[in-house]
Each structure stands twice: as C-alpha cells, then as structure tokens.
Amino acid sequence: MSELPMCRTCGMQYPEPRADCPICEDVRQYVPLTGQAWTDLAALRSSGEYEGRIEEQGPGLIGVGSTPKFAIGQRALLVRAGSGNFLWDCAAYLDDAVVQRITELGGITGIAISHPHYYTSMVEWAHAFDAPIYLHEGDQQWIGRPDPSIRLWSGTTLDAADDLRLINLGVHFTGGTVLHWPAGEQGRGALLSGDIVQVIPDRTHVAFMYSYPNLIPERPSVVRRAAELLEPYAFDAIYGAWWDAIVHHDGHEVVQRSAKRYLAHTLEAF
C-alpha cells in the first residue's frame, strides 16, 4: 500500500489517484503556485533523499519525523506513558528503519492526531503497529484514506488510556484536539498541542489561528472556549508540532494569559 498517492504539499495519503487535494484547497492550507503534485511512500523511500529522525524531545517523549522534512514537516511524539507507548500526531514519512526503532522502544498501543493537516500516512502507521487511530468526528470529512483502524470519537474529552486524555478545543478545525498527560514532566503535567495551541518563538505566549499559512485569526469565541476548557488541567510544559517547539515551564499560565491577550487584541478591532 506504500504506492498510494500522497500530496507533496500536505502529505495526505489517498486510496486512489486524484487530481485535487481537498486539504490543500481549503483556506487553512494552500495549493502551491506550481500546482498540485503527487508522490508516494515507495518513491520517497527509494529516492535516498529521506531518512527517519527519532530524537528525545522531553522526559518520556520521543520525537519522530524525517530528515529532510517532507510536506508540512511536523514531527510526531511517542509518549512513553505508563499505559504503553502512544503516538501523538503523525509524521508523513515512514520506512522499515523507523518501524524497527519504534518496535525496539516497545511499539505503539494507539494513535491520536490533533487535526487533518497531520493525518498524512496515519493508516500506514496503524497497520505497521496494529494500533487504533483516534480522530474527533468533527473532522471526519477530511479523512483522506478511510480504514477500519480509525475510531471516531465525539464530545469534549476522550480517555485514550487511563493516563492520557484527549480534549477537543475546536481551534483551527472543528475537531482540533490536544492531549493532556498528567504524569508528564515528572508529574507536573504536559500538554501536547500540535498547532491547535501553537508554540511560538516567544515562549512566554502561545498562538491561536484558523489558518496559519494564510494568516486568518481564530474566532474569539473559540479561543475563549478553549481557554476555559484547559483551565482545570495542570501542565507545566507544552509541546507543539515542530522540533524543539516547547514551552518548558508555566504552560498553564502561558495558555491563559495568551488567550487573554488574544481576546483583548481581536475584540478591540470591532
């Protein structure tokens, strides 16, 4: 199945060839000026250009991605929770060496993805590790490659394991989700946020956007609700979607003051 078409811009894998990529045609992504282009995992693997990148990102958190980056370029996080290894978000590139290394680390018991931009080759990952994929039903329409391994969930929270909770904030996408790991950071708590809560260069704040490449702000009501939903959760660190995109301390306060700053600026415009 590694020869199934993948969008070069976002990495979404589809079950059959097509002319368009709905993810890239949406306002939250883009089709390059050079036009829609396609590849597949087999081509990426045989090109000799790419290799897996697996590096520690924090206590009990292993980053998984590729060198060089492919498509959007996000890195996933392997959460080494007490309940078992859990993959947060999905890197588009996957080869035998990556599978072997993660197997040596204990494999994967489950996968959850923050939003459709990172769905990419999720079914390949699920099949490689015989793991279910947890996606919020609010983003069902964006699934590029349907598969029995996908388990849709609804509502605001889902305990993907005894020690891991998914929280649907609705930022960026209707199903935009973060992962709370209470035992992370030696018990101080970690929030794995993808770019639902975006870690920015100024680590004293985070950002909330509807479209990052096209610079469309998120709706104030959505940001306010997200801050309210996260208020009861304790977390010291925030791990974003990119290598070393980490808020190491005071994560809870960073989110709350960022939401206040965001609302002050956006509501002032009206």
Protein backbone atom coordinates (compact mmCIF):
# COMPACT_ATOMS: atom_id res chain seq x y z
CA MET A 1 0.00 0.00 0.00
CA SER A 2 3.03 2.29 0.12
CA GLU A 3 2.40 3.25 -3.52
CA LEU A 4 -0.84 5.04 -2.72
CA PRO A 5 -0.74 8.72 -3.80
CA MET A 6 0.42 11.32 -1.30
CA CYS A 7 0.11 15.08 -1.69
CA ARG A 8 3.58 16.64 -1.78
CA THR A 9 2.35 19.81 -0.06
CA CYS A 10 0.45 18.41 2.94
CA GLY A 11 1.38 14.71 2.89
CA MET A 12 -2.20 13.42 2.86
CA GLN A 13 -2.43 9.86 1.55
CA TYR A 14 -5.41 8.86 -0.59
CA PRO A 15 -6.66 5.39 -1.60
CA GLU A 16 -6.55 6.12 -5.34
CA PRO A 17 -5.16 8.73 -7.76
CA ARG A 18 -6.99 12.05 -7.96
CA ALA A 19 -6.45 15.49 -9.45
CA ASP A 20 -7.13 17.54 -6.34
CA CYS A 21 -6.22 17.53 -2.65
CA PRO A 22 -9.18 18.80 -0.60
CA ILE A 23 -6.90 19.56 2.36
CA CYS A 24 -4.76 21.91 0.27
CA GLU A 25 -7.73 23.53 -1.45
CA ASP A 26 -9.16 24.51 1.92
CA VAL A 27 -8.42 28.04 3.16
CA ARG A 28 -6.36 26.64 6.04
CA GLN A 29 -3.78 25.23 3.62
CA TYR A 30 -2.82 26.08 0.03
CA VAL A 31 -2.03 24.73 -3.42
CA PRO A 32 1.45 25.90 -4.45
CA LEU A 33 1.81 28.28 -7.37
CA THR A 34 3.47 25.40 -9.24
CA GLY A 35 0.26 23.37 -8.90
CA GLN A 36 -0.81 20.15 -7.28
CA ALA A 37 1.93 17.50 -7.16
CA TRP A 38 1.95 13.88 -6.02
CA THR A 39 4.32 11.22 -4.78
CA ASP A 40 4.08 8.06 -2.64
CA LEU A 41 5.92 6.45 0.24
CA ALA A 42 7.64 3.93 -2.01
CA ALA A 43 9.09 6.74 -4.11
CA LEU A 44 10.20 8.66 -1.04
CA ARG A 45 11.89 5.59 0.42
CA SER A 46 13.69 4.66 -2.80
CA SER A 47 14.83 8.21 -3.55
CA GLY A 48 17.62 8.04 -0.97
CA GLU A 49 16.79 11.61 -0.01
CA TYR A 50 14.84 10.93 3.18
CA GLU A 51 15.54 9.11 6.40
CA GLY A 52 13.71 8.85 9.67
CA ARG A 53 14.60 11.14 12.54
CA ILE A 54 13.97 9.88 16.07
CA GLU A 55 15.19 12.03 18.96
CA GLU A 56 14.24 12.75 22.55
CA GLN A 57 12.13 15.88 22.96
CA GLY A 58 11.43 15.76 26.68
CA PRO A 59 11.03 13.37 29.63
CA GLY A 60 9.29 10.30 28.24
CA LEU A 61 8.70 11.98 24.86
CA ILE A 62 10.42 10.83 21.68
CA GLY A 63 10.16 13.00 18.56
CA VAL A 64 9.54 11.18 15.27
CA GLY A 65 9.96 12.82 11.87
CA SER A 66 12.25 12.85 8.85
CA THR A 67 15.39 14.48 7.51
CA PRO A 68 14.87 16.49 5.41
CA LYS A 69 11.30 17.37 6.26
CA PHE A 70 8.57 16.23 3.90
CA ALA A 71 5.33 18.11 3.13
CA ILE A 72 4.33 20.31 6.11
CA GLY A 73 7.24 18.93 8.09
CA GLN A 74 5.69 18.34 11.53
CA ARG A 75 7.15 15.81 13.93
CA ALA A 76 5.12 13.33 15.90
CA LEU A 77 5.66 12.46 19.57
CA LEU A 78 5.91 8.98 21.01
CA VAL A 79 4.52 9.28 24.54
CA ARG A 80 6.10 6.67 26.81
CA ALA A 81 3.16 6.57 29.20
CA GLY A 82 2.62 4.06 31.98
CA SER A 83 -0.23 2.57 29.96
CA GLY A 84 2.06 1.97 26.97
CA ASN A 85 3.60 3.91 24.11
CA PHE A 86 1.14 6.25 22.42
CA LEU A 87 1.75 8.17 19.19
CA TRP A 88 0.62 11.79 19.20
CA ASP A 89 0.19 13.33 15.76
CA CYS A 90 1.68 11.68 12.69
CA ALA A 91 4.80 12.24 10.60
CA ALA A 92 4.21 11.65 6.90
CA TYR A 93 7.42 9.69 6.29
CA LEU A 94 7.64 6.07 7.43
CA ASP A 95 10.14 3.36 6.50
CA ASP A 96 11.35 0.00 7.81
CA ALA A 97 14.09 1.57 9.90
CA VAL A 98 11.59 3.81 11.70
CA VAL A 99 9.28 0.84 12.32
CA GLN A 100 12.18 -1.22 13.68
CA ARG A 101 13.38 1.53 16.03
CA ILE A 102 9.91 2.21 17.43
CA THR A 103 9.33 -1.52 17.81
CA GLU A 104 12.55 -1.68 19.85
CA LEU A 105 11.13 1.09 22.04
CA GLY A 106 8.03 -1.01 22.72
CA GLY A 107 5.79 -0.34 19.73
CA ILE A 108 2.61 1.73 19.75
CA THR A 109 -0.66 0.98 21.56
CA GLY A 110 -2.66 3.81 19.97
CA ILE A 111 -2.52 6.91 17.78
CA ALA A 112 -4.30 10.25 18.10
CA ILE A 113 -3.97 13.21 15.75
CA SER A 114 -4.62 16.85 16.51
CA HIS A 115 -6.18 17.85 13.17
CA PRO A 116 -6.40 16.88 9.47
CA HIS A 117 -3.15 18.54 8.34
CA TYR A 118 -1.33 15.76 10.20
CA TYR A 119 -3.48 12.79 9.12
CA THR A 120 -0.97 12.11 6.30
CA SER A 121 0.09 8.43 6.31
CA MET A 122 -1.73 7.58 9.56
CA VAL A 123 -3.18 4.34 8.16
CA GLU A 124 0.32 3.11 7.26
CA TRP A 125 1.35 3.73 10.88
CA ALA A 126 -1.74 1.97 12.22
CA HIS A 127 -1.10 -1.10 10.07
CA ALA A 128 2.63 -1.19 10.90
CA PHE A 129 1.93 -1.30 14.63
CA ASP A 130 -1.57 -2.83 14.71
CA ALA A 131 -2.79 0.27 16.55
CA PRO A 132 -6.12 2.12 16.53
CA ILE A 133 -6.34 5.76 15.39
CA TYR A 134 -8.48 8.12 17.48
CA LEU A 135 -9.90 11.05 15.48
CA HIS A 136 -12.58 13.51 16.53
CA GLU A 137 -15.75 13.07 14.49
CA GLY A 138 -15.87 16.82 13.83
CA ASP A 139 -13.16 16.31 11.22
CA GLN A 140 -14.49 13.12 9.65
CA GLN A 141 -14.98 14.80 6.26
CA TRP A 142 -11.22 15.39 5.94
CA ILE A 143 -10.15 11.76 6.25
CA GLY A 144 -8.21 11.07 3.06
CA ARG A 145 -7.91 7.30 3.39
CA PRO A 146 -10.74 5.60 5.30
CA ASP A 147 -9.77 2.46 7.17
CA PRO A 148 -11.18 0.15 9.91
CA SER A 149 -8.31 1.21 12.19
CA ILE A 150 -9.90 4.68 12.53
CA ARG A 151 -12.10 5.17 15.59
CA LEU A 152 -14.15 8.34 15.63
CA TRP A 153 -14.98 9.89 18.97
CA SER A 154 -17.39 12.65 19.92
CA GLY A 155 -17.86 15.16 22.70
CA THR A 156 -15.26 17.22 24.52
CA THR A 157 -12.97 14.59 26.05
CA LEU A 158 -11.86 11.02 25.49
CA ASP A 159 -9.60 9.00 27.76
CA ALA A 160 -7.48 7.25 25.15
CA ALA A 161 -5.79 5.42 28.03
CA ASP A 162 -6.00 5.50 31.83
CA ASP A 163 -3.33 8.21 31.89
CA LEU A 164 -3.95 10.10 28.62
CA ARG A 165 -6.85 12.40 27.85
CA LEU A 166 -7.82 13.91 24.50
CA ILE A 167 -9.53 17.31 24.70
CA ASN A 168 -11.42 18.76 21.75
CA LEU A 169 -10.79 22.52 21.78
CA GLY A 170 -12.18 23.20 18.29
CA VAL A 171 -9.36 25.62 17.45
CA HIS A 172 -8.08 25.58 13.83
CA PHE A 173 -10.51 22.77 12.93
CA THR A 174 -13.84 21.69 14.41
CA GLY A 175 -12.17 18.55 15.67
CA GLY A 176 -8.98 20.33 16.76
CA THR A 177 -7.67 18.29 19.70
CA VAL A 178 -4.86 18.37 22.27
CA LEU A 179 -3.51 15.60 24.50
CA HIS A 180 -3.10 16.02 28.27
CA TRP A 181 -0.56 13.76 30.00
CA PRO A 182 -0.79 14.34 33.77
CA ALA A 183 2.29 12.23 34.50
CA GLY A 184 4.45 14.14 32.03
CA GLU A 185 7.33 16.37 33.18
CA GLN A 186 7.86 14.16 36.27
CA GLY A 187 4.27 14.60 37.37
CA ARG A 188 3.94 18.33 36.67
CA GLY A 189 1.89 17.58 33.55
CA ALA A 190 2.40 18.06 29.82
CA LEU A 191 0.09 19.35 27.10
CA LEU A 192 0.76 18.02 23.60
CA SER A 193 -0.83 20.62 21.38
CA GLY A 194 0.13 20.19 17.72
CA ASP A 195 -0.71 23.61 16.36
CA ILE A 196 -4.14 23.73 17.96
CA VAL A 197 -2.31 25.69 20.64
CA GLN A 198 0.72 26.91 18.67
CA VAL A 199 4.08 27.22 20.38
CA ILE A 200 5.70 30.40 19.00
CA PRO A 201 9.27 31.82 19.20
CA ASP A 202 8.28 33.92 22.22
CA ARG A 203 7.88 31.05 24.66
CA THR A 204 6.06 33.31 27.14
CA HIS A 205 2.94 33.03 24.94
CA VAL A 206 1.22 30.71 22.50
CA ALA A 207 -0.95 31.48 19.46
CA PHE A 208 -4.38 30.52 18.12
CA MET A 209 -5.08 30.67 14.39
CA TYR A 210 -7.76 29.48 11.99
CA SER A 211 -5.27 29.44 9.11
CA TYR A 212 -1.54 29.64 9.68
CA PRO A 213 -0.24 29.94 6.10
CA ASN A 214 -2.96 32.42 5.14
CA LEU A 215 -2.86 34.34 8.45
CA ILE A 216 -6.54 34.12 9.36
CA PRO A 217 -7.13 34.58 13.11
CA GLU A 218 -9.22 32.11 15.06
CA ARG A 219 -12.67 33.28 16.15
CA PRO A 220 -12.63 34.92 19.59
CA SER A 221 -15.47 32.74 20.87
CA VAL A 222 -13.48 29.61 20.00
CA VAL A 223 -10.35 30.87 21.76
CA ARG A 224 -12.33 31.83 24.85
CA ARG A 225 -13.90 28.37 24.99
CA ALA A 226 -10.50 26.69 24.54
CA ALA A 227 -9.02 28.60 27.45
CA GLU A 228 -12.00 27.71 29.62
CA LEU A 229 -11.70 24.03 28.72
CA LEU A 230 -7.99 23.95 29.58
CA GLU A 231 -8.30 25.93 32.80
CA PRO A 232 -8.91 22.87 35.07
CA TYR A 233 -5.89 20.93 33.74
CA ALA A 234 -2.44 21.13 35.27
CA PHE A 235 0.52 21.16 32.89
CA ASP A 236 3.95 22.69 33.18
CA ALA A 237 5.16 22.07 29.62
CA ILE A 238 3.57 22.50 26.20
CA TYR A 239 4.87 20.51 23.22
CA GLY A 240 3.96 21.95 19.82
CA ALA A 241 4.14 20.41 16.37
CA TRP A 242 7.74 21.19 15.45
CA TRP A 243 11.14 20.03 16.60
CA ASP A 244 12.03 21.74 19.88
CA ALA A 245 8.82 23.83 19.85
CA ILE A 246 8.43 23.51 23.61
CA VAL A 247 7.28 25.73 26.44
CA HIS A 248 9.25 24.21 29.30
CA HIS A 249 7.63 25.91 32.28
CA ASP A 250 4.37 27.56 33.43
CA GLY A 251 2.44 26.12 30.49
CA HIS A 252 -0.96 26.54 32.11
CA GLU A 253 -0.35 30.22 32.82
CA VAL A 254 1.10 30.73 29.33
CA VAL A 255 -2.13 29.47 27.74
CA GLN A 256 -4.40 31.54 29.95
CA ARG A 257 -2.52 34.82 29.53
CA SER A 258 -2.16 34.19 25.79
CA ALA A 259 -5.91 33.77 25.44
CA LYS A 260 -6.49 36.98 27.37
CA ARG A 261 -4.02 38.86 25.17
CA TYR A 262 -5.57 37.41 22.02
CA LEU A 263 -9.09 38.36 23.05
CA ALA A 264 -8.01 41.85 24.01
CA HIS A 265 -6.47 42.44 20.59
CA THR A 266 -9.15 40.80 18.46
CA LEU A 267 -12.15 42.25 20.23
CA GLU A 268 -10.53 45.70 20.13
CA ALA A 269 -10.73 45.53 16.33
CA PHE A 270 -14.52 45.51 16.33
